[in-house]
PDB file of N, CA and C in Angstrom:
ATOM      1  N   MET A   1     126.303 110.907 136.212  1.00  0.00           N
ATOM      2  CA  MET A   1     125.656 111.127 134.931  1.00  0.00           C
ATOM      3  C   MET A   1     124.252 111.657 135.201  1.00  0.00           C
ATOM      4  N   SER A   2     123.880 112.718 134.511  1.00  0.00           N
ATOM      5  CA  SER A   2     122.566 113.309 134.714  1.00  0.00           C
ATOM      6  C   SER A   2     121.496 112.461 134.049  1.00  0.00           C
ATOM      7  N   LYS A   3     120.253 112.703 134.417  1.00  0.00           N
ATOM      8  CA  LYS A   3     119.121 111.977 133.865  1.00  0.00           C
ATOM      9  C   LYS A   3     119.070 112.141 132.342  1.00  0.00           C
ATOM     10  N   THR A   4     119.305 113.345 131.858  1.00  0.00           N
ATOM     11  CA  THR A   4     119.251 113.609 130.425  1.00  0.00           C
ATOM     12  C   THR A   4     120.307 112.797 129.679  1.00  0.00           C
ATOM     13  N   ASN A   5     121.533 112.735 130.193  1.00  0.00           N
ATOM     14  CA  ASN A   5     122.586 111.961 129.547  1.00  0.00           C
ATOM     15  C   ASN A   5     122.270 110.474 129.557  1.00  0.00           C
ATOM     16  N   ALA A   6     121.696 109.984 130.654  1.00  0.00           N
ATOM     17  CA  ALA A   6     121.338 108.573 130.747  1.00  0.00           C
ATOM     18  C   ALA A   6     120.256 108.242 129.735  1.00  0.00           C
ATOM     19  N   GLN A   7     119.281 109.126 129.570  1.00  0.00           N
ATOM     20  CA  GLN A   7     118.215 108.885 128.605  1.00  0.00           C
ATOM     21  C   GLN A   7     118.763 108.924 127.182  1.00  0.00           C
ATOM     22  N   ALA A   8     119.699 109.797 126.914  1.00  0.00           N
ATOM     23  CA  ALA A   8     120.258 109.925 125.576  1.00  0.00           C
ATOM     24  C   ALA A   8     121.009 108.664 125.169  1.00  0.00           C
ATOM     25  N   LYS A   9     121.596 107.952 126.118  1.00  0.00           N
ATOM     26  CA  LYS A   9     122.374 106.766 125.819  1.00  0.00           C
ATOM     27  C   LYS A   9     121.524 105.500 125.816  1.00  0.00           C
ATOM     28  N   SER A  10     120.270 105.573 126.283  1.00  0.00           N
ATOM     29  CA  SER A  10     119.423 104.394 126.282  1.00  0.00           C
ATOM     30  C   SER A  10     118.899 104.123 124.875  1.00  0.00           C
ATOM     31  N   LYS A  11     118.505 102.892 124.636  1.00  0.00           N
ATOM     32  CA  LYS A  11     117.998 102.473 123.327  1.00  0.00           C
ATOM     33  C   LYS A  11     116.664 103.161 123.059  1.00  0.00           C
ATOM     34  N   LEU A  12     116.527 103.732 121.863  1.00  0.00           N
ATOM     35  CA  LEU A  12     115.280 104.390 121.492  1.00  0.00           C
ATOM     36  C   LEU A  12     114.276 103.345 121.036  1.00  0.00           C
ATOM     37  N   THR A  13     113.180 103.262 121.748  1.00  0.00           N
ATOM     38  CA  THR A  13     112.083 102.369 121.398  1.00  0.00           C
ATOM     39  C   THR A  13     110.786 103.154 121.527  1.00  0.00           C
ATOM     40  N   ALA A  14     109.724 102.591 121.015  1.00  0.00           N
ATOM     41  CA  ALA A  14     108.422 103.242 121.144  1.00  0.00           C
ATOM     42  C   ALA A  14     108.063 103.417 122.623  1.00  0.00           C
ATOM     43  N   THR A  15     108.373 102.426 123.429  1.00  0.00           N
ATOM     44  CA  THR A  15     108.062 102.514 124.861  1.00  0.00           C
ATOM     45  C   THR A  15     108.907 103.578 125.546  1.00  0.00           C
ATOM     46  N   SER A  16     110.194 103.647 125.229  1.00  0.00           N
ATOM     47  CA  SER A  16     111.035 104.657 125.871  1.00  0.00           C
ATOM     48  C   SER A  16     110.614 106.060 125.445  1.00  0.00           C
ATOM     49  N   LEU A  17     110.210 106.204 124.177  1.00  0.00           N
ATOM     50  CA  LEU A  17     109.729 107.495 123.703  1.00  0.00           C
ATOM     51  C   LEU A  17     108.453 107.900 124.436  1.00  0.00           C
ATOM     52  N   LYS A  18     107.537 106.966 124.571  1.00  0.00           N
ATOM     53  CA  LYS A  18     106.289 107.228 125.301  1.00  0.00           C
ATOM     54  C   LYS A  18     106.591 107.622 126.752  1.00  0.00           C
ATOM     55  N   ASN A  19     107.518 106.907 127.374  1.00  0.00           N
ATOM     56  CA  ASN A  19     107.857 107.201 128.776  1.00  0.00           C
ATOM     57  C   ASN A  19     108.447 108.593 128.939  1.00  0.00           C
ATOM     58  N   VAL A  20     109.330 108.987 128.024  1.00  0.00           N
ATOM     59  CA  VAL A  20     109.924 110.321 128.100  1.00  0.00           C
ATOM     60  C   VAL A  20     108.850 111.388 127.922  1.00  0.00           C
ATOM     61  N   LEU A  21     107.940 111.166 126.984  1.00  0.00           N
ATOM     62  CA  LEU A  21     106.864 112.141 126.777  1.00  0.00           C
ATOM     63  C   LEU A  21     105.957 112.232 127.997  1.00  0.00           C
ATOM     64  N   TRP A  22     105.659 111.109 128.601  1.00  0.00           N
ATOM     65  CA  TRP A  22     104.814 111.102 129.799  1.00  0.00           C
ATOM     66  C   TRP A  22     105.516 111.818 130.963  1.00  0.00           C
ATOM     67  N   GLU A  23     106.795 111.532 131.149  1.00  0.00           N
ATOM     68  CA  GLU A  23     107.567 112.212 132.199  1.00  0.00           C
ATOM     69  C   GLU A  23     107.612 113.721 131.944  1.00  0.00           C
ATOM     70  N   THR A  24     107.780 114.096 130.689  1.00  0.00           N
ATOM     71  CA  THR A  24     107.823 115.507 130.327  1.00  0.00           C
ATOM     72  C   THR A  24     106.506 116.189 130.667  1.00  0.00           C
ATOM     73  N   LEU A  25     105.407 115.551 130.305  1.00  0.00           N
ATOM     74  CA  LEU A  25     104.092 116.106 130.627  1.00  0.00           C
ATOM     75  C   LEU A  25     103.918 116.282 132.124  1.00  0.00           C
ATOM     76  N   ASN A  26     104.306 115.291 132.890  1.00  0.00           N
ATOM     77  CA  ASN A  26     104.181 115.373 134.346  1.00  0.00           C
ATOM     78  C   ASN A  26     105.077 116.457 134.934  1.00  0.00           C
ATOM     79  N   GLU A  27     106.264 116.634 134.366  1.00  0.00           N
ATOM     80  CA  GLU A  27     107.161 117.679 134.858  1.00  0.00           C
ATOM     81  C   GLU A  27     106.608 119.065 134.548  1.00  0.00           C
ATOM     82  N   VAL A  28     106.004 119.235 133.386  1.00  0.00           N
ATOM     83  CA  VAL A  28     105.386 120.527 133.063  1.00  0.00           C
ATOM     84  C   VAL A  28     104.220 120.788 134.011  1.00  0.00           C
ATOM     85  N   LYS A  29     103.392 119.774 134.222  1.00  0.00           N
ATOM     86  CA  LYS A  29     102.253 119.918 135.135  1.00  0.00           C
ATOM     87  C   LYS A  29     102.724 120.234 136.552  1.00  0.00           C
ATOM     88  N   GLY A  30     103.841 119.620 136.950  1.00  0.00           N
ATOM     89  CA  GLY A  30     104.377 119.832 138.288  1.00  0.00           C
ATOM     90  C   GLY A  30     105.185 121.111 138.419  1.00  0.00           C
ATOM     91  N   GLY A  31     105.408 121.798 137.331  1.00  0.00           N
ATOM     92  CA  GLY A  31     106.153 123.046 137.376  1.00  0.00           C
ATOM     93  C   GLY A  31     107.657 122.893 137.441  1.00  0.00           C
ATOM     94  N   THR A  32     108.168 121.678 137.186  1.00  0.00           N
ATOM     95  CA  THR A  32     109.619 121.472 137.256  1.00  0.00           C
ATOM     96  C   THR A  32     110.289 121.545 135.890  1.00  0.00           C
ATOM     97  N   MET A  33     109.494 121.703 134.814  1.00  0.00           N
ATOM     98  CA  MET A  33     110.067 121.850 133.478  1.00  0.00           C
ATOM     99  C   MET A  33     109.393 123.016 132.777  1.00  0.00           C
ATOM    100  N   ASP A  34     110.215 123.794 132.118  1.00  0.00           N
ATOM    101  CA  ASP A  34     109.730 124.919 131.332  1.00  0.00           C
ATOM    102  C   ASP A  34     108.953 124.396 130.126  1.00  0.00           C
ATOM    103  N   PRO A  35     107.786 124.971 129.823  1.00  0.00           N
ATOM    104  CA  PRO A  35     107.023 124.519 128.657  1.00  0.00           C
ATOM    105  C   PRO A  35     107.815 124.594 127.343  1.00  0.00           C
ATOM    106  N   GLY A  36     108.739 125.530 127.227  1.00  0.00           N
ATOM    107  CA  GLY A  36     109.566 125.621 126.028  1.00  0.00           C
ATOM    108  C   GLY A  36     110.444 124.397 125.852  1.00  0.00           C
ATOM    109  N   ASN A  37     111.003 123.898 126.947  1.00  0.00           N
ATOM    110  CA  ASN A  37     111.802 122.667 126.885  1.00  0.00           C
ATOM    111  C   ASN A  37     110.925 121.480 126.517  1.00  0.00           C
ATOM    112  N   ALA A  38     109.737 121.433 127.088  1.00  0.00           N
ATOM    113  CA  ALA A  38     108.807 120.342 126.782  1.00  0.00           C
ATOM    114  C   ALA A  38     108.413 120.382 125.308  1.00  0.00           C
ATOM    115  N   ASP A  39     108.237 121.568 124.774  1.00  0.00           N
ATOM    116  CA  ASP A  39     107.891 121.698 123.369  1.00  0.00           C
ATOM    117  C   ASP A  39     109.017 121.172 122.478  1.00  0.00           C
ATOM    118  N   SER A  40     110.249 121.417 122.863  1.00  0.00           N
ATOM    119  CA  SER A  40     111.391 120.896 122.099  1.00  0.00           C
ATOM    120  C   SER A  40     111.410 119.373 122.106  1.00  0.00           C
ATOM    121  N   ILE A  41     111.118 118.797 123.253  1.00  0.00           N
ATOM    122  CA  ILE A  41     111.072 117.333 123.362  1.00  0.00           C
ATOM    123  C   ILE A  41     109.944 116.779 122.496  1.00  0.00           C
ATOM    124  N   ALA A  42     108.782 117.418 122.556  1.00  0.00           N
ATOM    125  CA  ALA A  42     107.636 116.968 121.750  1.00  0.00           C
ATOM    126  C   ALA A  42     107.928 117.099 120.262  1.00  0.00           C
ATOM    127  N   THR A  43     108.618 118.143 119.864  1.00  0.00           N
ATOM    128  CA  THR A  43     108.971 118.335 118.462  1.00  0.00           C
ATOM    129  C   THR A  43     109.874 117.203 117.982  1.00  0.00           C
ATOM    130  N   GLN A  44     110.857 116.845 118.792  1.00  0.00           N
ATOM    131  CA  GLN A  44     111.749 115.739 118.430  1.00  0.00           C
ATOM    132  C   GLN A  44     110.966 114.434 118.317  1.00  0.00           C
ATOM    133  N   ALA A  45     110.041 114.206 119.238  1.00  0.00           N
ATOM    134  CA  ALA A  45     109.226 112.987 119.205  1.00  0.00           C
ATOM    135  C   ALA A  45     108.385 112.931 117.931  1.00  0.00           C
ATOM    136  N   ARG A  46     107.796 114.056 117.560  1.00  0.00           N
ATOM    137  CA  ARG A  46     106.995 114.099 116.329  1.00  0.00           C
ATOM    138  C   ARG A  46     107.851 113.763 115.113  1.00  0.00           C
ATOM    139  N   GLU A  47     109.075 114.261 115.076  1.00  0.00           N
ATOM    140  CA  GLU A  47     109.964 113.976 113.948  1.00  0.00           C
ATOM    141  C   GLU A  47     110.343 112.500 113.892  1.00  0.00           C
ATOM    142  N   ILE A  48     110.573 111.897 115.039  1.00  0.00           N
ATOM    143  CA  ILE A  48     110.886 110.464 115.084  1.00  0.00           C
ATOM    144  C   ILE A  48     109.705 109.657 114.552  1.00  0.00           C
ATOM    145  N   ILE A  49     108.512 110.003 114.987  1.00  0.00           N
ATOM    146  CA  ILE A  49     107.312 109.292 114.534  1.00  0.00           C
ATOM    147  C   ILE A  49     107.064 109.544 113.048  1.00  0.00           C
ATOM    148  N   ARG A  50     107.253 110.766 112.607  1.00  0.00           N
ATOM    149  CA  ARG A  50     107.069 111.093 111.194  1.00  0.00           C
ATOM    150  C   ARG A  50     108.053 110.315 110.312  1.00  0.00           C
ATOM    151  N   THR A  51     109.292 110.209 110.751  1.00  0.00           N
ATOM    152  CA  THR A  51     110.303 109.466 110.006  1.00  0.00           C
ATOM    153  C   THR A  51     109.949 107.984 109.939  1.00  0.00           C
ATOM    154  N   THR A  52     109.515 107.437 111.055  1.00  0.00           N
ATOM    155  CA  THR A  52     109.108 106.034 111.098  1.00  0.00           C
ATOM    156  C   THR A  52     107.927 105.787 110.174  1.00  0.00           C
ATOM    157  N   ASN A  53     106.958 106.693 110.194  1.00  0.00           N
ATOM    158  CA  ASN A  53     105.799 106.575 109.323  1.00  0.00           C
ATOM    159  C   ASN A  53     106.213 106.629 107.851  1.00  0.00           C
ATOM    160  N   THR A  54     107.147 107.486 107.523  1.00  0.00           N
ATOM    161  CA  THR A  54     107.644 107.580 106.147  1.00  0.00           C
ATOM    162  C   THR A  54     108.311 106.273 105.725  1.00  0.00           C
ATOM    163  N   GLN A  55     109.101 105.697 106.607  1.00  0.00           N
ATOM    164  CA  GLN A  55     109.749 104.425 106.302  1.00  0.00           C
ATOM    165  C   GLN A  55     108.701 103.340 106.026  1.00  0.00           C
ATOM    166  N   LEU A  56     107.641 103.329 106.832  1.00  0.00           N
ATOM    167  CA  LEU A  56     106.578 102.337 106.634  1.00  0.00           C
ATOM    168  C   LEU A  56     105.860 102.543 105.302  1.00  0.00           C
ATOM    169  N   ARG A  57     105.579 103.794 104.956  1.00  0.00           N
ATOM    170  CA  ARG A  57     104.891 104.077 103.699  1.00  0.00           C
ATOM    171  C   ARG A  57     105.755 103.701 102.495  1.00  0.00           C
ATOM    172  N   ILE A  58     107.047 103.983 102.576  1.00  0.00           N
ATOM    173  CA  ILE A  58     107.953 103.614 101.480  1.00  0.00           C
ATOM    174  C   ILE A  58     107.989 102.096 101.315  1.00  0.00           C
ATOM    175  N   SER A  59     108.078 101.380 102.427  1.00  0.00           N
ATOM    176  CA  SER A  59     108.084  99.916 102.359  1.00  0.00           C
ATOM    177  C   SER A  59     106.809  99.396 101.710  1.00  0.00           C
ATOM    178  N   HIS A  60     105.696  99.961 102.111  1.00  0.00           N
ATOM    179  CA  HIS A  60     104.413  99.528 101.564  1.00  0.00           C
ATOM    180  C   HIS A  60     104.318  99.818 100.069  1.00  0.00           C
ATOM    181  N   GLN A  61     104.684 101.013  99.665  1.00  0.00           N
ATOM    182  CA  GLN A  61     104.550 101.413  98.259  1.00  0.00           C
ATOM    183  C   GLN A  61     105.520 100.681  97.337  1.00  0.00           C
ATOM    184  N   THR A  62     106.680 100.340  97.870  1.00  0.00           N
ATOM    185  CA  THR A  62     107.667  99.641  97.050  1.00  0.00           C
ATOM    186  C   THR A  62     107.582  98.130  97.205  1.00  0.00           C
ATOM    187  N   LYS A  63     106.654  97.692  98.040  1.00  0.00           N
ATOM    188  CA  LYS A  63     106.450  96.267  98.310  1.00  0.00           C
ATOM    189  C   LYS A  63     107.723  95.595  98.829  1.00  0.00           C
ATOM    190  N   ARG A  64     108.464  96.342  99.613  1.00  0.00           N
ATOM    191  CA  ARG A  64     109.663  95.823 100.261  1.00  0.00           C
ATOM    192  C   ARG A  64     109.341  95.515 101.711  1.00  0.00           C
ATOM    193  N   PRO A  65     110.158  94.670 102.339  1.00  0.00           N
ATOM    194  CA  PRO A  65     109.928  94.383 103.758  1.00  0.00           C
ATOM    195  C   PRO A  65     110.136  95.640 104.607  1.00  0.00           C
ATOM    196  N   VAL A  66     109.448  95.674 105.728  1.00  0.00           N
ATOM    197  CA  VAL A  66     109.635  96.768 106.686  1.00  0.00           C
ATOM    198  C   VAL A  66     111.050  96.655 107.244  1.00  0.00           C
ATOM    199  N   PRO A  67     111.789  97.778 107.289  1.00  0.00           N
ATOM    200  CA  PRO A  67     113.159  97.726 107.807  1.00  0.00           C
ATOM    201  C   PRO A  67     113.216  97.186 109.242  1.00  0.00           C
ATOM    202  N   VAL A  68     114.257  96.436 109.522  1.00  0.00           N
ATOM    203  CA  VAL A  68     114.423  95.821 110.836  1.00  0.00           C
ATOM    204  C   VAL A  68     114.450  96.869 111.946  1.00  0.00           C
ATOM    205  N   ASP A  69     115.080  98.022 111.695  1.00  0.00           N
ATOM    206  CA  ASP A  69     115.146  99.039 112.748  1.00  0.00           C
ATOM    207  C   ASP A  69     113.757  99.572 113.101  1.00  0.00           C
ATOM    208  N   VAL A  70     112.846  99.618 112.139  1.00  0.00           N
ATOM    209  CA  VAL A  70     111.477 100.062 112.425  1.00  0.00           C
ATOM    210  C   VAL A  70     110.764  99.013 113.271  1.00  0.00           C
ATOM    211  N   ILE A  71     110.958  97.755 112.927  1.00  0.00           N
ATOM    212  CA  ILE A  71     110.352  96.674 113.715  1.00  0.00           C
ATOM    213  C   ILE A  71     110.915  96.683 115.127  1.00  0.00           C
ATOM    214  N   ASN A  72     112.223  96.810 115.250  1.00  0.00           N
ATOM    215  CA  ASN A  72     112.849  96.850 116.579  1.00  0.00           C
ATOM    216  C   ASN A  72     112.351  98.012 117.402  1.00  0.00           C
ATOM    217  N   PHE A  73     112.190  99.169 116.773  1.00  0.00           N
ATOM    218  CA  PHE A  73     111.670 100.345 117.473  1.00  0.00           C
ATOM    219  C   PHE A  73     110.267 100.072 118.019  1.00  0.00           C
ATOM    220  N   SER A  74     109.406  99.511 117.193  1.00  0.00           N
ATOM    221  CA  SER A  74     108.027  99.315 117.596  1.00  0.00           C
ATOM    222  C   SER A  74     107.861  98.157 118.577  1.00  0.00           C
ATOM    223  N   GLU A  75     108.698  97.142 118.460  1.00  0.00           N
ATOM    224  CA  GLU A  75     108.574  95.969 119.328  1.00  0.00           C
ATOM    225  C   GLU A  75     109.520  96.009 120.515  1.00  0.00           C
ATOM    226  N   ASN A  76     110.259  97.102 120.632  1.00  0.00           N
ATOM    227  CA  ASN A  76     111.211  97.279 121.746  1.00  0.00           C
ATOM    228  C   ASN A  76     112.286  96.213 121.783  1.00  0.00           C
ATOM    229  N   ALA A  77     112.667  95.704 120.620  1.00  0.00           N
ATOM    230  CA  ALA A  77     113.723  94.696 120.544  1.00  0.00           C
ATOM    231  C   ALA A  77     115.084  95.369 120.535  1.00  0.00           C
ATOM    232  N   GLU A  78     116.099  94.627 120.842  1.00  0.00           N
ATOM    233  CA  GLU A  78     117.478  95.131 120.843  1.00  0.00           C
ATOM    234  C   GLU A  78     118.041  95.141 119.459  1.00  0.00           C
TER     235      GLU A  78
END
């Protein structure tokens, strides 16, 4: 199984997202990743964060509890 497939099957958490972005930055700096590929990864990360932020704002405005999946994402819970 390639590194990309292994990462795709791992649980998405704030820490795993940060780690992938950090690895991507280091690979671009090291010349082992094309900047276009890194940009695609960064775009996906921005969308994940934007979606999470939207969920938080909706919870706040509707005075509903924060969804469990958002809490799990941020706290790296299973």
